[in-house]
C-alpha atoms as a PDB file:
ATOM      1  CA  MET A   1    -173.649 125.501  -7.273  1.00  0.00           C
ATOM      2  CA  THR A   2    -174.030 128.851  -5.576  1.00  0.00           C
ATOM      3  CA  ALA A   3    -176.057 129.544  -2.467  1.00  0.00           C
ATOM      4  CA  GLN A   4    -178.600 131.446  -4.546  1.00  0.00           C
ATOM      5  CA  SER A   5    -179.180 128.513  -6.900  1.00  0.00           C
ATOM      6  CA  ILE A   6    -179.616 126.146  -3.948  1.00  0.00           C
ATOM      7  CA  ILE A   7    -182.225 128.476  -2.444  1.00  0.00           C
ATOM      8  CA  VAL A   8    -184.090 128.677  -5.778  1.00  0.00           C
ATOM      9  CA  PHE A   9    -183.892 124.882  -6.076  1.00  0.00           C
ATOM     10  CA  LEU A  10    -185.403 124.469  -2.594  1.00  0.00           C
ATOM     11  CA  ILE A  11    -188.147 127.033  -3.246  1.00  0.00           C
ATOM     12  CA  ILE A  12    -189.146 125.352  -6.513  1.00  0.00           C
ATOM     13  CA  GLY A  13    -189.127 121.982  -4.740  1.00  0.00           C
ATOM     14  CA  ALA A  14    -191.301 123.333  -1.937  1.00  0.00           C
ATOM     15  CA  ILE A  15    -193.815 124.880  -4.333  1.00  0.00           C
ATOM     16  CA  ALA A  16    -193.941 121.735  -6.457  1.00  0.00           C
ATOM     17  CA  GLY A  17    -194.366 119.490  -3.415  1.00  0.00           C
ATOM     18  CA  TRP A  18    -197.112 121.730  -2.019  1.00  0.00           C
ATOM     19  CA  LEU A  19    -198.968 121.774  -5.346  1.00  0.00           C
ATOM     20  CA  ALA A  20    -198.634 118.016  -5.690  1.00  0.00           C
ATOM     21  CA  GLY A  21    -199.980 117.590  -2.159  1.00  0.00           C
ATOM     22  CA  LEU A  22    -203.026 119.654  -3.165  1.00  0.00           C
ATOM     23  CA  ILE A  23    -203.546 117.655  -6.343  1.00  0.00           C
ATOM     24  CA  VAL A  24    -203.142 114.258  -4.665  1.00  0.00           C
ATOM     25  CA  LYS A  25    -205.385 114.634  -1.616  1.00  0.00           C
ATOM     26  CA  GLY A  26    -204.309 113.245   1.735  1.00  0.00           C
ATOM     27  CA  PHE A  27    -200.558 113.206   1.186  1.00  0.00           C
ATOM     28  CA  GLY A  28    -199.126 116.326   2.787  1.00  0.00           C
ATOM     29  CA  PHE A  29    -195.734 115.752   4.378  1.00  0.00           C
ATOM     30  CA  GLY A  30    -195.092 119.169   5.927  1.00  0.00           C
ATOM     31  CA  LEU A  31    -192.620 121.747   4.661  1.00  0.00           C
ATOM     32  CA  ILE A  32    -189.492 119.582   4.640  1.00  0.00           C
ATOM     33  CA  GLY A  33    -191.378 116.583   3.252  1.00  0.00           C
ATOM     34  CA  ASN A  34    -192.921 118.713   0.506  1.00  0.00           C
ATOM     35  CA  ILE A  35    -189.495 120.032  -0.468  1.00  0.00           C
ATOM     36  CA  VAL A  36    -188.143 116.485  -0.648  1.00  0.00           C
ATOM     37  CA  VAL A  37    -191.166 115.280  -2.647  1.00  0.00           C
ATOM     38  CA  GLY A  38    -190.795 118.242  -5.033  1.00  0.00           C
ATOM     39  CA  ILE A  39    -187.077 117.663  -5.548  1.00  0.00           C
ATOM     40  CA  VAL A  40    -187.469 113.908  -6.032  1.00  0.00           C
ATOM     41  CA  GLY A  41    -190.409 114.628  -8.333  1.00  0.00           C
ATOM     42  CA  ALA A  42    -188.221 116.933 -10.407  1.00  0.00           C
ATOM     43  CA  PHE A  43    -185.671 114.147 -10.787  1.00  0.00           C
ATOM     44  CA  ILE A  44    -188.398 111.662 -11.739  1.00  0.00           C
ATOM     45  CA  ALA A  45    -189.816 114.040 -14.332  1.00  0.00           C
ATOM     46  CA  GLY A  46    -186.321 114.865 -15.606  1.00  0.00           C
ATOM     47  CA  TRP A  47    -185.671 111.169 -16.146  1.00  0.00           C
ATOM     48  CA  LEU A  48    -189.116 110.207 -17.490  1.00  0.00           C
ATOM     49  CA  PHE A  49    -190.084 113.109 -19.757  1.00  0.00           C
ATOM     50  CA  PRO A  50    -187.254 112.742 -22.313  1.00  0.00           C
ATOM     51  CA  TYR A  51    -188.280 109.113 -22.859  1.00  0.00           C
ATOM     52  CA  VAL A  52    -191.886 110.187 -23.488  1.00  0.00           C
ATOM     53  CA  GLY A  53    -190.851 113.164 -25.616  1.00  0.00           C
ATOM     54  CA  LEU A  54    -192.297 115.935 -23.424  1.00  0.00           C
ATOM     55  CA  ALA A  55    -190.660 119.341 -23.064  1.00  0.00           C
ATOM     56  CA  PHE A  56    -192.006 122.441 -21.315  1.00  0.00           C
ATOM     57  CA  GLY A  57    -189.319 124.932 -22.234  1.00  0.00           C
ATOM     58  CA  GLY A  58    -187.251 126.840 -19.728  1.00  0.00           C
ATOM     59  CA  GLY A  59    -187.790 129.269 -16.913  1.00  0.00           C
ATOM     60  CA  VAL A  60    -189.061 129.133 -13.373  1.00  0.00           C
ATOM     61  CA  LEU A  61    -192.697 128.373 -14.229  1.00  0.00           C
ATOM     62  CA  ALA A  62    -191.679 125.498 -16.491  1.00  0.00           C
ATOM     63  CA  SER A  63    -189.445 124.161 -13.709  1.00  0.00           C
ATOM     64  CA  ILE A  64    -192.300 124.331 -11.207  1.00  0.00           C
ATOM     65  CA  LEU A  65    -194.653 122.583 -13.649  1.00  0.00           C
ATOM     66  CA  HIS A  66    -192.022 119.952 -14.413  1.00  0.00           C
ATOM     67  CA  ALA A  67    -191.328 119.255 -10.737  1.00  0.00           C
ATOM     68  CA  THR A  68    -195.025 119.270  -9.824  1.00  0.00           C
ATOM     69  CA  ILE A  69    -195.889 116.629 -12.410  1.00  0.00           C
ATOM     70  CA  GLY A  70    -193.008 114.485 -11.199  1.00  0.00           C
ATOM     71  CA  ALA A  71    -194.083 114.955  -7.578  1.00  0.00           C
ATOM     72  CA  VAL A  72    -197.666 113.958  -8.443  1.00  0.00           C
ATOM     73  CA  ILE A  73    -196.297 110.789 -10.059  1.00  0.00           C
ATOM     74  CA  LEU A  74    -194.277 110.113  -6.904  1.00  0.00           C
ATOM     75  CA  LEU A  75    -197.265 110.672  -4.593  1.00  0.00           C
ATOM     76  CA  VAL A  76    -199.486 108.400  -6.679  1.00  0.00           C
ATOM     77  CA  LEU A  77    -196.810 105.694  -6.496  1.00  0.00           C
ATOM     78  CA  ILE A  78    -196.565 106.166  -2.712  1.00  0.00           C
ATOM     79  CA  ARG A  79    -200.359 105.879  -2.450  1.00  0.00           C
ATOM     80  CA  LEU A  80    -200.325 102.643  -4.485  1.00  0.00           C
ATOM     81  CA  VAL A  81    -197.575 101.140  -2.339  1.00  0.00           C
ATOM     82  CA  LYS A  82    -199.310 102.093   0.918  1.00  0.00           C
ATOM     83  CA  SER A  83    -202.652 100.666  -0.191  1.00  0.00           C
ATOM     84  CA  ALA A  84    -201.122  97.364  -1.327  1.00  0.00           C
END
């Protein structure tokens, strides 16, 4: 993995985490937390979507959408655990 691909990976994670924080109100974790939520969300979506049969194609926008949906799933799960 090159330095450029790591930077793109972090930027996509940050955007996805920020968008997920906007969608799921009350769960902003700051810049580093949003990057982590976005990256973990991308892994969740990458694991879950093939089982469901969803595909968004390729490219940066598809990656951001993919990671954002996964991050929203993660934030909803965190909200459920915190409220229990």
